[in-house]
Amino acid sequence: RLESAEPTRQQRLVLTEPHEEGLAPTGIRFLPVRHADHRQRSVEEAERVDRIYRSLLGQRWVNEKGETREIGVADILVVSPYNMQVNLLSRTLPPGARVGTVDKFQGQEAAAVLISMAASSGATASRGVTFLLAADRLNVALSRARCWCGVVCSSELIGTPCHSIEQMSLVSTFARLLRG
């Protein structure tokens, strides 16, 4: 079981009202969005990510040194498994937003991370559920966050029909992650 290193335990968002629903000082939060039949791109998710992103800007966070700073574009990462969603998010979010695939952000961190899954379900996901919910890719995306991570996705991903033990394991792990 992983635990935070002592110096990092104090890292947290310091939120003031009003802020977008789902924001919290720490942790991983499931931020559901209703949509159907999307494979690699979701306008509905991009709009929700944009609202959350803008709500984060100007909030404050406490870093590992105990210093409180205002959250700016450098303190937020937005990640998606699909280039089509990355391109849509890049056009939707404010200028300078750090948006990319998991591969682009390997080794980087930010106070807050937003993950946009884009596909409506595992059945519609481009490259299949084993790509979309791959444990190593999710781990890299989630572990970029110093304080808070929001997973923006369709609730249907949790109910993805499985055709193998590997798929069952991936969907089960993803569902546990989203339920906290």
N, C-alpha and C. Protein backbone atom coordinates (compact mmCIF):
# COMPACT_ATOMS: atom_id res chain seq x y z
N ARG A 1 0.84 -1.18 0.00
CA ARG A 1 0.00 0.00 0.00
C ARG A 1 0.89 1.25 0.00
N LEU A 2 0.61 2.18 -0.90
CA LEU A 2 1.39 3.41 -0.99
C LEU A 2 0.92 4.43 0.03
N GLU A 3 1.85 5.18 0.56
CA GLU A 3 1.54 6.27 1.46
C GLU A 3 2.35 7.49 1.04
N SER A 4 1.84 8.66 1.37
CA SER A 4 2.53 9.90 1.03
C SER A 4 3.81 10.03 1.83
N ALA A 5 4.85 10.54 1.18
CA ALA A 5 6.07 10.88 1.89
C ALA A 5 5.76 12.05 2.81
N GLU A 6 6.38 12.09 3.96
CA GLU A 6 6.06 13.10 4.98
C GLU A 6 6.02 14.53 4.43
N PRO A 7 7.03 14.98 3.67
CA PRO A 7 6.99 16.38 3.18
C PRO A 7 5.81 16.68 2.25
N THR A 8 5.27 15.66 1.60
CA THR A 8 4.19 15.92 0.63
C THR A 8 2.81 15.88 1.26
N ARG A 9 2.69 15.43 2.49
CA ARG A 9 1.37 15.28 3.13
C ARG A 9 0.64 16.60 3.30
N GLN A 10 1.35 17.70 3.39
CA GLN A 10 0.69 18.99 3.59
C GLN A 10 0.17 19.62 2.30
N GLN A 11 0.54 19.05 1.15
CA GLN A 11 0.09 19.60 -0.13
C GLN A 11 -1.43 19.47 -0.23
N ARG A 12 -2.09 20.57 -0.60
CA ARG A 12 -3.54 20.55 -0.73
C ARG A 12 -4.00 21.81 -1.46
N LEU A 13 -5.18 21.74 -2.02
CA LEU A 13 -5.82 22.92 -2.58
C LEU A 13 -6.50 23.66 -1.44
N VAL A 14 -6.47 24.98 -1.50
CA VAL A 14 -7.18 25.83 -0.54
C VAL A 14 -8.28 26.50 -1.35
N LEU A 15 -9.50 26.00 -1.20
CA LEU A 15 -10.61 26.41 -2.06
C LEU A 15 -11.49 27.46 -1.39
N THR A 16 -11.87 28.45 -2.17
CA THR A 16 -12.84 29.44 -1.71
C THR A 16 -14.06 29.34 -2.60
N GLU A 17 -15.20 29.70 -2.06
CA GLU A 17 -16.45 29.70 -2.83
C GLU A 17 -16.50 30.95 -3.69
N PRO A 18 -17.13 30.92 -4.81
CA PRO A 18 -17.71 29.72 -5.41
C PRO A 18 -16.64 28.93 -6.16
N HIS A 19 -16.84 27.63 -6.23
CA HIS A 19 -15.98 26.80 -7.06
C HIS A 19 -16.82 25.67 -7.64
N GLU A 20 -16.32 25.10 -8.70
CA GLU A 20 -17.03 24.04 -9.42
C GLU A 20 -17.23 22.82 -8.52
N GLU A 21 -18.39 22.20 -8.64
CA GLU A 21 -18.68 20.98 -7.88
C GLU A 21 -17.65 19.90 -8.19
N GLY A 22 -17.22 19.21 -7.17
CA GLY A 22 -16.25 18.13 -7.33
C GLY A 22 -14.84 18.51 -6.91
N LEU A 23 -14.56 19.81 -6.83
CA LEU A 23 -13.24 20.23 -6.35
C LEU A 23 -13.15 19.93 -4.86
N ALA A 24 -11.98 19.51 -4.43
CA ALA A 24 -11.73 19.18 -3.02
C ALA A 24 -10.27 19.46 -2.74
N PRO A 25 -9.89 19.59 -1.47
CA PRO A 25 -8.49 19.88 -1.15
C PRO A 25 -7.51 18.81 -1.63
N THR A 26 -7.91 17.54 -1.56
CA THR A 26 -7.02 16.45 -1.97
C THR A 26 -7.85 15.31 -2.54
N GLY A 27 -7.16 14.35 -3.15
CA GLY A 27 -7.80 13.12 -3.57
C GLY A 27 -8.12 13.03 -5.04
N ILE A 28 -8.77 11.91 -5.36
CA ILE A 28 -9.22 11.63 -6.73
C ILE A 28 -10.73 11.73 -6.73
N ARG A 29 -11.29 12.48 -7.65
CA ARG A 29 -12.73 12.67 -7.71
C ARG A 29 -13.27 12.25 -9.07
N PHE A 30 -14.39 11.53 -9.04
CA PHE A 30 -15.13 11.13 -10.24
C PHE A 30 -16.07 12.27 -10.60
N LEU A 31 -15.95 12.79 -11.82
CA LEU A 31 -16.75 13.91 -12.28
C LEU A 31 -17.53 13.45 -13.52
N PRO A 32 -18.71 12.85 -13.30
CA PRO A 32 -19.45 12.24 -14.41
C PRO A 32 -20.04 13.26 -15.39
N VAL A 33 -20.07 12.86 -16.65
CA VAL A 33 -20.66 13.66 -17.72
C VAL A 33 -21.49 12.70 -18.58
N ARG A 34 -22.70 13.10 -18.91
CA ARG A 34 -23.56 12.26 -19.76
C ARG A 34 -23.24 12.51 -21.24
N HIS A 35 -22.97 11.43 -21.94
CA HIS A 35 -22.82 11.48 -23.39
C HIS A 35 -22.90 10.08 -23.94
N ALA A 36 -23.10 9.96 -25.23
CA ALA A 36 -23.26 8.63 -25.84
C ALA A 36 -22.55 8.58 -27.19
N ASP A 37 -22.08 7.38 -27.51
CA ASP A 37 -21.51 7.07 -28.82
C ASP A 37 -20.22 7.81 -29.17
N HIS A 38 -19.52 8.34 -28.20
CA HIS A 38 -18.25 9.00 -28.48
C HIS A 38 -17.13 7.97 -28.41
N ARG A 39 -16.20 8.06 -29.34
CA ARG A 39 -15.08 7.12 -29.41
C ARG A 39 -13.77 7.74 -28.92
N GLN A 40 -13.43 8.94 -29.41
CA GLN A 40 -12.15 9.57 -29.09
C GLN A 40 -12.27 11.04 -28.72
N ARG A 41 -13.49 11.56 -28.72
CA ARG A 41 -13.68 13.00 -28.55
C ARG A 41 -15.05 13.24 -27.95
N SER A 42 -15.12 14.13 -26.95
CA SER A 42 -16.40 14.45 -26.32
C SER A 42 -16.46 15.95 -26.02
N VAL A 43 -17.35 16.63 -26.72
CA VAL A 43 -17.56 18.06 -26.48
C VAL A 43 -18.10 18.26 -25.06
N GLU A 44 -18.98 17.36 -24.62
CA GLU A 44 -19.56 17.47 -23.28
C GLU A 44 -18.47 17.43 -22.21
N GLU A 45 -17.51 16.54 -22.36
CA GLU A 45 -16.41 16.47 -21.40
C GLU A 45 -15.52 17.71 -21.50
N ALA A 46 -15.26 18.17 -22.71
CA ALA A 46 -14.42 19.36 -22.88
C ALA A 46 -15.06 20.56 -22.19
N GLU A 47 -16.38 20.69 -22.28
CA GLU A 47 -17.07 21.80 -21.62
C GLU A 47 -16.97 21.69 -20.11
N ARG A 48 -17.12 20.48 -19.57
CA ARG A 48 -17.00 20.29 -18.11
C ARG A 48 -15.57 20.55 -17.65
N VAL A 49 -14.60 20.04 -18.39
CA VAL A 49 -13.19 20.29 -18.04
C VAL A 49 -12.91 21.79 -18.03
N ASP A 50 -13.44 22.50 -19.01
CA ASP A 50 -13.23 23.94 -19.09
C ASP A 50 -13.80 24.65 -17.86
N ARG A 51 -15.00 24.28 -17.43
CA ARG A 51 -15.60 24.90 -16.23
C ARG A 51 -14.75 24.63 -14.99
N ILE A 52 -14.30 23.40 -14.84
CA ILE A 52 -13.48 23.04 -13.68
C ILE A 52 -12.14 23.77 -13.73
N TYR A 53 -11.54 23.77 -14.91
CA TYR A 53 -10.24 24.43 -15.10
C TYR A 53 -10.34 25.91 -14.70
N ARG A 54 -11.35 26.59 -15.21
CA ARG A 54 -11.51 28.02 -14.91
C ARG A 54 -11.83 28.25 -13.43
N SER A 55 -12.52 27.29 -12.81
CA SER A 55 -12.80 27.38 -11.38
C SER A 55 -11.52 27.21 -10.55
N LEU A 56 -10.59 26.40 -11.04
CA LEU A 56 -9.31 26.21 -10.35
C LEU A 56 -8.43 27.46 -10.42
N LEU A 57 -8.44 28.14 -11.56
CA LEU A 57 -7.60 29.32 -11.73
C LEU A 57 -7.94 30.36 -10.66
N GLY A 58 -6.92 30.84 -9.99
CA GLY A 58 -7.12 31.84 -8.95
C GLY A 58 -7.35 31.26 -7.57
N GLN A 59 -7.66 29.96 -7.48
CA GLN A 59 -7.71 29.32 -6.17
C GLN A 59 -6.28 29.26 -5.65
N ARG A 60 -6.08 28.69 -4.50
CA ARG A 60 -4.74 28.62 -3.92
C ARG A 60 -4.41 27.18 -3.62
N TRP A 61 -3.09 26.89 -3.50
CA TRP A 61 -2.65 25.57 -3.08
C TRP A 61 -1.42 25.69 -2.20
N VAL A 62 -1.24 24.68 -1.35
CA VAL A 62 -0.09 24.61 -0.44
C VAL A 62 0.87 23.57 -1.00
N ASN A 63 2.12 23.98 -1.24
CA ASN A 63 3.12 23.07 -1.81
C ASN A 63 3.82 22.26 -0.71
N GLU A 64 4.79 21.45 -1.09
CA GLU A 64 5.48 20.56 -0.15
C GLU A 64 6.31 21.32 0.89
N LYS A 65 6.59 22.59 0.63
CA LYS A 65 7.34 23.41 1.59
C LYS A 65 6.41 24.17 2.54
N GLY A 66 5.10 23.98 2.36
CA GLY A 66 4.14 24.69 3.20
C GLY A 66 3.81 26.08 2.71
N GLU A 67 4.30 26.43 1.52
CA GLU A 67 4.04 27.76 0.95
C GLU A 67 2.70 27.74 0.21
N THR A 68 1.94 28.81 0.38
CA THR A 68 0.65 28.93 -0.31
C THR A 68 0.83 29.83 -1.52
N ARG A 69 0.34 29.33 -2.66
CA ARG A 69 0.46 30.07 -3.93
C ARG A 69 -0.87 30.07 -4.66
N GLU A 70 -1.05 31.04 -5.52
CA GLU A 70 -2.24 31.08 -6.37
C GLU A 70 -2.07 30.09 -7.53
N ILE A 71 -3.14 29.41 -7.89
CA ILE A 71 -3.10 28.44 -8.98
C ILE A 71 -3.21 29.19 -10.31
N GLY A 72 -2.24 28.93 -11.17
CA GLY A 72 -2.24 29.47 -12.52
C GLY A 72 -2.17 28.34 -13.53
N VAL A 73 -2.03 28.65 -14.79
CA VAL A 73 -2.01 27.62 -15.84
C VAL A 73 -0.87 26.63 -15.66
N ALA A 74 0.23 27.06 -15.07
CA ALA A 74 1.37 26.15 -14.86
C ALA A 74 1.09 25.10 -13.79
N ASP A 75 0.04 25.31 -12.99
CA ASP A 75 -0.27 24.42 -11.87
C ASP A 75 -1.37 23.40 -12.18
N ILE A 76 -1.80 23.35 -13.44
CA ILE A 76 -2.86 22.43 -13.84
C ILE A 76 -2.42 21.66 -15.08
N LEU A 77 -2.58 20.35 -15.06
CA LEU A 77 -2.38 19.51 -16.24
C LEU A 77 -3.72 18.94 -16.66
N VAL A 78 -3.94 18.86 -17.96
CA VAL A 78 -5.14 18.23 -18.50
C VAL A 78 -4.68 17.11 -19.42
N VAL A 79 -5.14 15.90 -19.11
CA VAL A 79 -4.67 14.70 -19.79
C VAL A 79 -5.84 13.95 -20.42
N SER A 80 -5.61 13.40 -21.60
CA SER A 80 -6.59 12.53 -22.25
C SER A 80 -5.84 11.42 -22.98
N PRO A 81 -6.45 10.24 -23.09
CA PRO A 81 -5.77 9.16 -23.82
C PRO A 81 -5.77 9.37 -25.33
N TYR A 82 -6.64 10.25 -25.83
CA TYR A 82 -6.81 10.40 -27.28
C TYR A 82 -6.38 11.77 -27.78
N ASN A 83 -5.64 11.78 -28.88
CA ASN A 83 -5.20 13.04 -29.49
C ASN A 83 -6.37 13.90 -29.95
N MET A 84 -7.45 13.28 -30.41
CA MET A 84 -8.61 14.07 -30.83
C MET A 84 -9.17 14.89 -29.66
N GLN A 85 -9.22 14.30 -28.47
CA GLN A 85 -9.71 15.02 -27.30
C GLN A 85 -8.70 16.07 -26.85
N VAL A 86 -7.43 15.75 -26.94
CA VAL A 86 -6.38 16.72 -26.61
C VAL A 86 -6.52 17.95 -27.51
N ASN A 87 -6.74 17.74 -28.80
CA ASN A 87 -6.89 18.86 -29.73
C ASN A 87 -8.12 19.70 -29.39
N LEU A 88 -9.25 19.04 -29.08
CA LEU A 88 -10.46 19.76 -28.70
C LEU A 88 -10.23 20.56 -27.42
N LEU A 89 -9.63 19.94 -26.42
CA LEU A 89 -9.36 20.63 -25.16
C LEU A 89 -8.41 21.80 -25.36
N SER A 90 -7.43 21.66 -26.22
CA SER A 90 -6.49 22.75 -26.50
C SER A 90 -7.21 23.96 -27.08
N ARG A 91 -8.23 23.71 -27.90
CA ARG A 91 -9.02 24.81 -28.48
C ARG A 91 -10.01 25.39 -27.47
N THR A 92 -10.45 24.60 -26.50
CA THR A 92 -11.49 25.00 -25.56
C THR A 92 -10.94 25.74 -24.35
N LEU A 93 -9.82 25.30 -23.82
CA LEU A 93 -9.27 25.85 -22.59
C LEU A 93 -8.55 27.19 -22.83
N PRO A 94 -8.30 27.94 -21.77
CA PRO A 94 -7.61 29.23 -21.92
C PRO A 94 -6.22 29.07 -22.55
N PRO A 95 -5.73 30.12 -23.20
CA PRO A 95 -4.39 30.07 -23.78
C PRO A 95 -3.35 29.69 -22.73
N GLY A 96 -2.40 28.87 -23.14
CA GLY A 96 -1.33 28.46 -22.24
C GLY A 96 -1.64 27.21 -21.43
N ALA A 97 -2.87 26.71 -21.53
CA ALA A 97 -3.23 25.50 -20.78
C ALA A 97 -2.32 24.35 -21.19
N ARG A 98 -1.89 23.57 -20.21
CA ARG A 98 -1.02 22.42 -20.45
C ARG A 98 -1.90 21.20 -20.70
N VAL A 99 -2.04 20.82 -21.97
CA VAL A 99 -2.92 19.73 -22.38
C VAL A 99 -2.11 18.73 -23.19
N GLY A 100 -2.32 17.44 -22.91
CA GLY A 100 -1.60 16.43 -23.69
C GLY A 100 -2.02 15.02 -23.32
N THR A 101 -1.37 14.07 -23.96
CA THR A 101 -1.61 12.67 -23.66
C THR A 101 -0.74 12.27 -22.47
N VAL A 102 -0.99 11.10 -21.95
CA VAL A 102 -0.21 10.57 -20.83
C VAL A 102 1.27 10.59 -21.16
N ASP A 103 1.60 10.20 -22.38
CA ASP A 103 3.01 10.12 -22.79
C ASP A 103 3.70 11.48 -22.72
N LYS A 104 2.98 12.54 -23.05
CA LYS A 104 3.58 13.88 -23.05
C LYS A 104 3.95 14.33 -21.64
N PHE A 105 3.18 13.94 -20.64
CA PHE A 105 3.38 14.45 -19.29
C PHE A 105 4.14 13.52 -18.36
N GLN A 106 4.66 12.43 -18.89
CA GLN A 106 5.42 11.52 -18.04
C GLN A 106 6.56 12.28 -17.39
N GLY A 107 6.67 12.19 -16.07
CA GLY A 107 7.73 12.87 -15.34
C GLY A 107 7.38 14.27 -14.88
N GLN A 108 6.25 14.82 -15.32
CA GLN A 108 5.84 16.16 -14.90
C GLN A 108 4.78 16.05 -13.80
N GLU A 109 4.62 17.12 -13.02
CA GLU A 109 3.62 17.17 -11.96
C GLU A 109 2.94 18.52 -11.97
N ALA A 110 1.77 18.58 -11.31
CA ALA A 110 1.04 19.83 -11.14
C ALA A 110 0.18 19.71 -9.89
N ALA A 111 -0.21 20.83 -9.34
CA ALA A 111 -1.08 20.83 -8.16
C ALA A 111 -2.37 20.07 -8.45
N ALA A 112 -2.95 20.31 -9.61
CA ALA A 112 -4.22 19.68 -9.99
C ALA A 112 -4.10 19.05 -11.38
N VAL A 113 -4.75 17.92 -11.54
CA VAL A 113 -4.77 17.23 -12.82
C VAL A 113 -6.22 16.90 -13.17
N LEU A 114 -6.59 17.17 -14.41
CA LEU A 114 -7.89 16.78 -14.95
C LEU A 114 -7.66 15.74 -16.03
N ILE A 115 -8.37 14.63 -15.92
CA ILE A 115 -8.28 13.57 -16.92
C ILE A 115 -9.61 13.49 -17.64
N SER A 116 -9.60 13.60 -18.95
CA SER A 116 -10.80 13.49 -19.77
C SER A 116 -10.70 12.19 -20.57
N MET A 117 -11.56 11.23 -20.24
CA MET A 117 -11.50 9.90 -20.86
C MET A 117 -12.04 9.91 -22.29
N ALA A 118 -12.99 10.79 -22.61
CA ALA A 118 -13.54 11.03 -23.95
C ALA A 118 -14.50 9.96 -24.46
N ALA A 119 -14.18 8.69 -24.34
CA ALA A 119 -15.05 7.62 -24.86
C ALA A 119 -16.29 7.48 -23.98
N SER A 120 -17.42 7.23 -24.59
CA SER A 120 -18.67 7.08 -23.85
C SER A 120 -18.74 5.78 -23.08
N SER A 121 -18.13 4.74 -23.61
CA SER A 121 -18.12 3.43 -22.95
C SER A 121 -16.94 2.64 -23.46
N GLY A 122 -16.64 1.56 -22.79
CA GLY A 122 -15.56 0.69 -23.26
C GLY A 122 -15.89 0.09 -24.60
N ALA A 123 -17.19 -0.12 -24.86
CA ALA A 123 -17.61 -0.72 -26.13
C ALA A 123 -17.39 0.23 -27.31
N THR A 124 -17.48 1.54 -27.06
CA THR A 124 -17.29 2.51 -28.15
C THR A 124 -15.87 3.06 -28.20
N ALA A 125 -15.06 2.76 -27.20
CA ALA A 125 -13.72 3.32 -27.11
C ALA A 125 -12.84 2.91 -28.28
N SER A 126 -12.25 3.90 -28.91
CA SER A 126 -11.28 3.63 -29.96
C SER A 126 -10.10 2.89 -29.35
N ARG A 127 -9.65 1.85 -30.02
CA ARG A 127 -8.54 1.00 -29.57
C ARG A 127 -8.94 0.10 -28.39
N GLY A 128 -10.22 0.13 -28.01
CA GLY A 128 -10.75 -0.81 -27.03
C GLY A 128 -10.53 -0.43 -25.58
N VAL A 129 -11.21 -1.17 -24.73
CA VAL A 129 -11.16 -0.91 -23.29
C VAL A 129 -9.77 -1.18 -22.71
N THR A 130 -9.03 -2.11 -23.29
CA THR A 130 -7.70 -2.41 -22.76
C THR A 130 -6.73 -1.23 -22.96
N PHE A 131 -6.94 -0.43 -24.00
CA PHE A 131 -6.15 0.79 -24.18
C PHE A 131 -6.66 1.88 -23.24
N LEU A 132 -7.97 2.12 -23.26
CA LEU A 132 -8.55 3.22 -22.51
C LEU A 132 -8.30 3.10 -21.01
N LEU A 133 -8.45 1.91 -20.46
CA LEU A 133 -8.34 1.72 -19.01
C LEU A 133 -7.05 1.03 -18.58
N ALA A 134 -6.04 1.02 -19.43
CA ALA A 134 -4.76 0.39 -19.10
C ALA A 134 -4.23 0.93 -17.78
N ALA A 135 -3.94 0.02 -16.86
CA ALA A 135 -3.52 0.40 -15.52
C ALA A 135 -2.26 1.27 -15.52
N ASP A 136 -1.29 0.96 -16.36
CA ASP A 136 -0.05 1.75 -16.37
C ASP A 136 -0.31 3.17 -16.86
N ARG A 137 -1.17 3.32 -17.85
CA ARG A 137 -1.49 4.66 -18.37
C ARG A 137 -2.27 5.47 -17.34
N LEU A 138 -3.25 4.83 -16.69
CA LEU A 138 -4.02 5.52 -15.64
C LEU A 138 -3.11 5.92 -14.47
N ASN A 139 -2.21 5.03 -14.10
CA ASN A 139 -1.30 5.32 -13.00
C ASN A 139 -0.45 6.55 -13.33
N VAL A 140 0.08 6.62 -14.53
CA VAL A 140 0.90 7.78 -14.91
C VAL A 140 0.05 9.04 -14.88
N ALA A 141 -1.16 8.98 -15.41
CA ALA A 141 -2.04 10.16 -15.43
C ALA A 141 -2.37 10.62 -14.01
N LEU A 142 -2.78 9.70 -13.16
CA LEU A 142 -3.17 10.04 -11.79
C LEU A 142 -1.99 10.54 -10.96
N SER A 143 -0.85 9.96 -11.16
CA SER A 143 0.31 10.29 -10.33
C SER A 143 0.97 11.62 -10.71
N ARG A 144 0.44 12.32 -11.70
CA ARG A 144 0.94 13.65 -12.03
C ARG A 144 0.45 14.67 -11.00
N ALA A 145 -0.66 14.35 -10.30
CA ALA A 145 -1.29 15.30 -9.37
C ALA A 145 -0.56 15.34 -8.03
N ARG A 146 -0.26 16.55 -7.58
CA ARG A 146 0.34 16.73 -6.25
C ARG A 146 -0.74 16.78 -5.17
N CYS A 147 -1.91 17.31 -5.50
CA CYS A 147 -2.97 17.48 -4.50
C CYS A 147 -4.27 16.79 -4.90
N TRP A 148 -4.77 17.12 -6.08
CA TRP A 148 -6.12 16.75 -6.48
C TRP A 148 -6.14 16.30 -7.93
N CYS A 149 -6.96 15.29 -8.21
CA CYS A 149 -7.14 14.81 -9.58
C CYS A 149 -8.62 14.59 -9.83
N GLY A 150 -9.12 15.13 -10.92
CA GLY A 150 -10.51 14.93 -11.32
C GLY A 150 -10.56 14.08 -12.58
N VAL A 151 -11.35 13.00 -12.53
CA VAL A 151 -11.53 12.13 -13.69
C VAL A 151 -12.89 12.44 -14.29
N VAL A 152 -12.88 13.09 -15.44
CA VAL A 152 -14.09 13.48 -16.14
C VAL A 152 -14.40 12.40 -17.17
N CYS A 153 -15.56 11.74 -16.98
CA CYS A 153 -15.90 10.65 -17.90
C CYS A 153 -17.37 10.29 -17.80
N SER A 154 -17.80 9.51 -18.74
CA SER A 154 -19.15 8.97 -18.75
C SER A 154 -19.28 7.88 -17.70
N SER A 155 -20.40 7.86 -16.99
CA SER A 155 -20.67 6.79 -16.01
C SER A 155 -20.72 5.43 -16.67
N GLU A 156 -21.00 5.41 -17.96
CA GLU A 156 -21.11 4.14 -18.69
C GLU A 156 -19.79 3.36 -18.73
N LEU A 157 -18.69 4.04 -18.52
CA LEU A 157 -17.40 3.33 -18.53
C LEU A 157 -17.34 2.27 -17.44
N ILE A 158 -17.97 2.56 -16.31
CA ILE A 158 -17.97 1.60 -15.20
C ILE A 158 -18.79 0.35 -15.55
N GLY A 159 -19.79 0.50 -16.39
CA GLY A 159 -20.65 -0.63 -16.76
C GLY A 159 -20.26 -1.29 -18.07
N THR A 160 -19.03 -1.11 -18.49
CA THR A 160 -18.56 -1.67 -19.75
C THR A 160 -18.69 -3.19 -19.77
N PRO A 161 -19.36 -3.75 -20.79
CA PRO A 161 -19.41 -5.21 -20.93
C PRO A 161 -18.00 -5.76 -21.19
N CYS A 162 -17.66 -6.81 -20.49
CA CYS A 162 -16.32 -7.38 -20.59
C CYS A 162 -16.35 -8.72 -21.32
N HIS A 163 -15.29 -8.98 -22.08
CA HIS A 163 -15.19 -10.22 -22.85
C HIS A 163 -13.95 -11.03 -22.51
N SER A 164 -13.24 -10.60 -21.45
CA SER A 164 -12.06 -11.34 -21.01
C SER A 164 -11.80 -11.01 -19.55
N ILE A 165 -11.00 -11.83 -18.91
CA ILE A 165 -10.62 -11.58 -17.52
C ILE A 165 -9.81 -10.29 -17.43
N GLU A 166 -8.96 -10.03 -18.42
CA GLU A 166 -8.17 -8.80 -18.42
C GLU A 166 -9.09 -7.58 -18.44
N GLN A 167 -10.11 -7.60 -19.29
CA GLN A 167 -11.05 -6.48 -19.35
C GLN A 167 -11.80 -6.33 -18.03
N MET A 168 -12.23 -7.45 -17.44
CA MET A 168 -12.93 -7.40 -16.15
C MET A 168 -12.04 -6.76 -15.09
N SER A 169 -10.79 -7.11 -15.08
CA SER A 169 -9.85 -6.56 -14.11
C SER A 169 -9.69 -5.05 -14.31
N LEU A 170 -9.55 -4.61 -15.55
CA LEU A 170 -9.38 -3.19 -15.85
C LEU A 170 -10.61 -2.38 -15.45
N VAL A 171 -11.79 -2.86 -15.82
CA VAL A 171 -13.03 -2.15 -15.49
C VAL A 171 -13.24 -2.13 -13.98
N SER A 172 -12.96 -3.24 -13.32
CA SER A 172 -13.11 -3.32 -11.86
C SER A 172 -12.18 -2.33 -11.16
N THR A 173 -10.93 -2.29 -11.58
CA THR A 173 -9.96 -1.36 -11.00
C THR A 173 -10.40 0.08 -11.22
N PHE A 174 -10.87 0.39 -12.42
CA PHE A 174 -11.32 1.74 -12.73
C PHE A 174 -12.53 2.12 -11.86
N ALA A 175 -13.48 1.21 -11.71
CA ALA A 175 -14.66 1.47 -10.88
C ALA A 175 -14.26 1.72 -9.42
N ARG A 176 -13.34 0.92 -8.90
CA ARG A 176 -12.87 1.11 -7.51
C ARG A 176 -12.19 2.47 -7.37
N LEU A 177 -11.42 2.84 -8.34
CA LEU A 177 -10.73 4.12 -8.33
C LEU A 177 -11.75 5.26 -8.24
N LEU A 178 -12.79 5.19 -9.05
CA LEU A 178 -13.76 6.27 -9.10
C LEU A 178 -14.66 6.32 -7.86
N ARG A 179 -14.81 5.18 -7.22
CA ARG A 179 -15.64 5.14 -6.00
C ARG A 179 -14.86 5.52 -4.76
N GLY A 180 -13.55 5.72 -4.92
CA GLY A 180 -12.71 6.14 -3.79
C GLY A 180 -12.39 4.99 -2.93
